[in-house]
Amino acid sequence: MEQVFKIILVIFAVGLIAVVLLQKGKSAGLAGAISGGAEHLFGKQKARGLDLFLQRLTVVLAAGFFILALVVAYFVSN
């Protein structure tokens, strides 16, 4: 059972990396890092279409990865 969870964890990790790399950058440079974060936080730019799908998929994969990491850690410790 532990091996199955480890395999699923690796699949989630690779999927999460792929989804993050598929997303386009919000802004460029240091100025974009400062103002881009504020725009994203306060919702001035709404994601649509593929961007919205990738954003939601990232959240789902990250949550799944976190939960699976806890489950694998539990199985390894026992």
C-alpha atoms as a PDB file:
ATOM      1  CA  MET A   1       0.000   0.000   0.000  1.00  0.00           C
ATOM      2  CA  GLU A   2       2.880   2.326   0.810  1.00  0.00           C
ATOM      3  CA  GLN A   3       4.353   1.829  -2.656  1.00  0.00           C
ATOM      4  CA  VAL A   4       1.056   2.754  -4.320  1.00  0.00           C
ATOM      5  CA  PHE A   5       0.880   6.017  -2.380  1.00  0.00           C
ATOM      6  CA  LYS A   6       4.490   6.812  -3.260  1.00  0.00           C
ATOM      7  CA  ILE A   7       3.798   6.260  -6.967  1.00  0.00           C
ATOM      8  CA  ILE A   8       0.708   8.476  -6.808  1.00  0.00           C
ATOM      9  CA  LEU A   9       2.747  11.114  -4.942  1.00  0.00           C
ATOM     10  CA  VAL A  10       5.355  11.143  -7.721  1.00  0.00           C
ATOM     11  CA  ILE A  11       2.602  11.471 -10.337  1.00  0.00           C
ATOM     12  CA  PHE A  12       1.126  14.431  -8.447  1.00  0.00           C
ATOM     13  CA  ALA A  13       4.573  16.028  -8.136  1.00  0.00           C
ATOM     14  CA  VAL A  14       5.314  15.709 -11.862  1.00  0.00           C
ATOM     15  CA  GLY A  15       1.813  16.947 -12.707  1.00  0.00           C
ATOM     16  CA  LEU A  16       2.189  19.942 -10.415  1.00  0.00           C
ATOM     17  CA  ILE A  17       5.537  20.852 -11.961  1.00  0.00           C
ATOM     18  CA  ALA A  18       4.091  20.541 -15.471  1.00  0.00           C
ATOM     19  CA  VAL A  19       1.031  22.665 -14.698  1.00  0.00           C
ATOM     20  CA  VAL A  20       3.103  25.413 -13.085  1.00  0.00           C
ATOM     21  CA  LEU A  21       5.452  25.496 -16.069  1.00  0.00           C
ATOM     22  CA  LEU A  22       2.525  25.679 -18.506  1.00  0.00           C
ATOM     23  CA  GLN A  23       1.171  28.845 -16.902  1.00  0.00           C
ATOM     24  CA  LYS A  24       2.206  32.103 -18.471  1.00  0.00           C
ATOM     25  CA  GLY A  25       4.055  34.715 -16.449  1.00  0.00           C
ATOM     26  CA  LYS A  26       1.970  37.544 -15.046  1.00  0.00           C
ATOM     27  CA  SER A  27       4.640  40.247 -15.335  1.00  0.00           C
ATOM     28  CA  ALA A  28       8.329  40.594 -16.125  1.00  0.00           C
ATOM     29  CA  GLY A  29      11.175  42.005 -14.081  1.00  0.00           C
ATOM     30  CA  LEU A  30      11.394  43.238 -10.513  1.00  0.00           C
ATOM     31  CA  ALA A  31       8.673  45.845 -10.956  1.00  0.00           C
ATOM     32  CA  GLY A  32       6.341  43.124 -12.187  1.00  0.00           C
ATOM     33  CA  ALA A  33       7.105  40.992  -9.164  1.00  0.00           C
ATOM     34  CA  ILE A  34       6.016  43.794  -6.842  1.00  0.00           C
ATOM     35  CA  SER A  35       2.984  45.098  -8.709  1.00  0.00           C
ATOM     36  CA  GLY A  36       2.001  41.723 -10.184  1.00  0.00           C
ATOM     37  CA  GLY A  37       1.545  40.240  -6.736  1.00  0.00           C
ATOM     38  CA  ALA A  38      -0.689  43.108  -5.664  1.00  0.00           C
ATOM     39  CA  GLU A  39      -2.785  42.862  -8.821  1.00  0.00           C
ATOM     40  CA  HIS A  40      -3.189  39.135  -8.340  1.00  0.00           C
ATOM     41  CA  LEU A  41      -4.076  39.569  -4.673  1.00  0.00           C
ATOM     42  CA  PHE A  42      -6.738  42.210  -5.215  1.00  0.00           C
ATOM     43  CA  GLY A  43      -8.128  40.597  -8.371  1.00  0.00           C
ATOM     44  CA  LYS A  44      -7.725  43.379 -10.920  1.00  0.00           C
ATOM     45  CA  GLN A  45      -7.091  40.835 -13.654  1.00  0.00           C
ATOM     46  CA  LYS A  46      -9.457  37.900 -13.884  1.00  0.00           C
ATOM     47  CA  ALA A  47      -8.175  34.689 -15.407  1.00  0.00           C
ATOM     48  CA  ARG A  48     -10.241  33.219 -18.221  1.00  0.00           C
ATOM     49  CA  GLY A  49     -10.222  30.087 -20.314  1.00  0.00           C
ATOM     50  CA  LEU A  50      -7.060  28.031 -20.171  1.00  0.00           C
ATOM     51  CA  ASP A  51      -5.454  30.294 -17.558  1.00  0.00           C
ATOM     52  CA  LEU A  52      -8.366  29.743 -15.175  1.00  0.00           C
ATOM     53  CA  PHE A  53      -8.285  25.980 -15.769  1.00  0.00           C
ATOM     54  CA  LEU A  54      -4.539  25.798 -15.113  1.00  0.00           C
ATOM     55  CA  GLN A  55      -4.915  27.938 -12.001  1.00  0.00           C
ATOM     56  CA  ARG A  56      -7.601  25.671 -10.552  1.00  0.00           C
ATOM     57  CA  LEU A  57      -5.706  22.526 -11.561  1.00  0.00           C
ATOM     58  CA  THR A  58      -2.654  23.881  -9.734  1.00  0.00           C
ATOM     59  CA  VAL A  59      -4.674  24.315  -6.547  1.00  0.00           C
ATOM     60  CA  VAL A  60      -6.119  20.804  -6.797  1.00  0.00           C
ATOM     61  CA  LEU A  61      -2.748  19.188  -7.501  1.00  0.00           C
ATOM     62  CA  ALA A  62      -1.054  21.138  -4.705  1.00  0.00           C
ATOM     63  CA  ALA A  63      -3.715  20.113  -2.186  1.00  0.00           C
ATOM     64  CA  GLY A  64      -3.519  16.499  -3.338  1.00  0.00           C
ATOM     65  CA  PHE A  65       0.270  16.549  -3.137  1.00  0.00           C
ATOM     66  CA  PHE A  66       0.171  17.928   0.404  1.00  0.00           C
ATOM     67  CA  ILE A  67      -2.354  15.352   1.590  1.00  0.00           C
ATOM     68  CA  LEU A  68      -0.509  12.473  -0.089  1.00  0.00           C
ATOM     69  CA  ALA A  69       2.777  13.625   1.425  1.00  0.00           C
ATOM     70  CA  LEU A  70       1.192  13.443   4.885  1.00  0.00           C
ATOM     71  CA  VAL A  71      -0.254   9.987   4.160  1.00  0.00           C
ATOM     72  CA  VAL A  72       3.091   8.672   2.893  1.00  0.00           C
ATOM     73  CA  ALA A  73       4.857  10.120   5.929  1.00  0.00           C
ATOM     74  CA  TYR A  74       2.367   8.368   8.191  1.00  0.00           C
ATOM     75  CA  PHE A  75       2.907   5.003   6.453  1.00  0.00           C
ATOM     76  CA  VAL A  76       6.680   5.366   6.501  1.00  0.00           C
ATOM     77  CA  SER A  77       6.742   6.207  10.214  1.00  0.00           C
ATOM     78  CA  ASN A  78       4.689   3.105  11.155  1.00  0.00           C
END
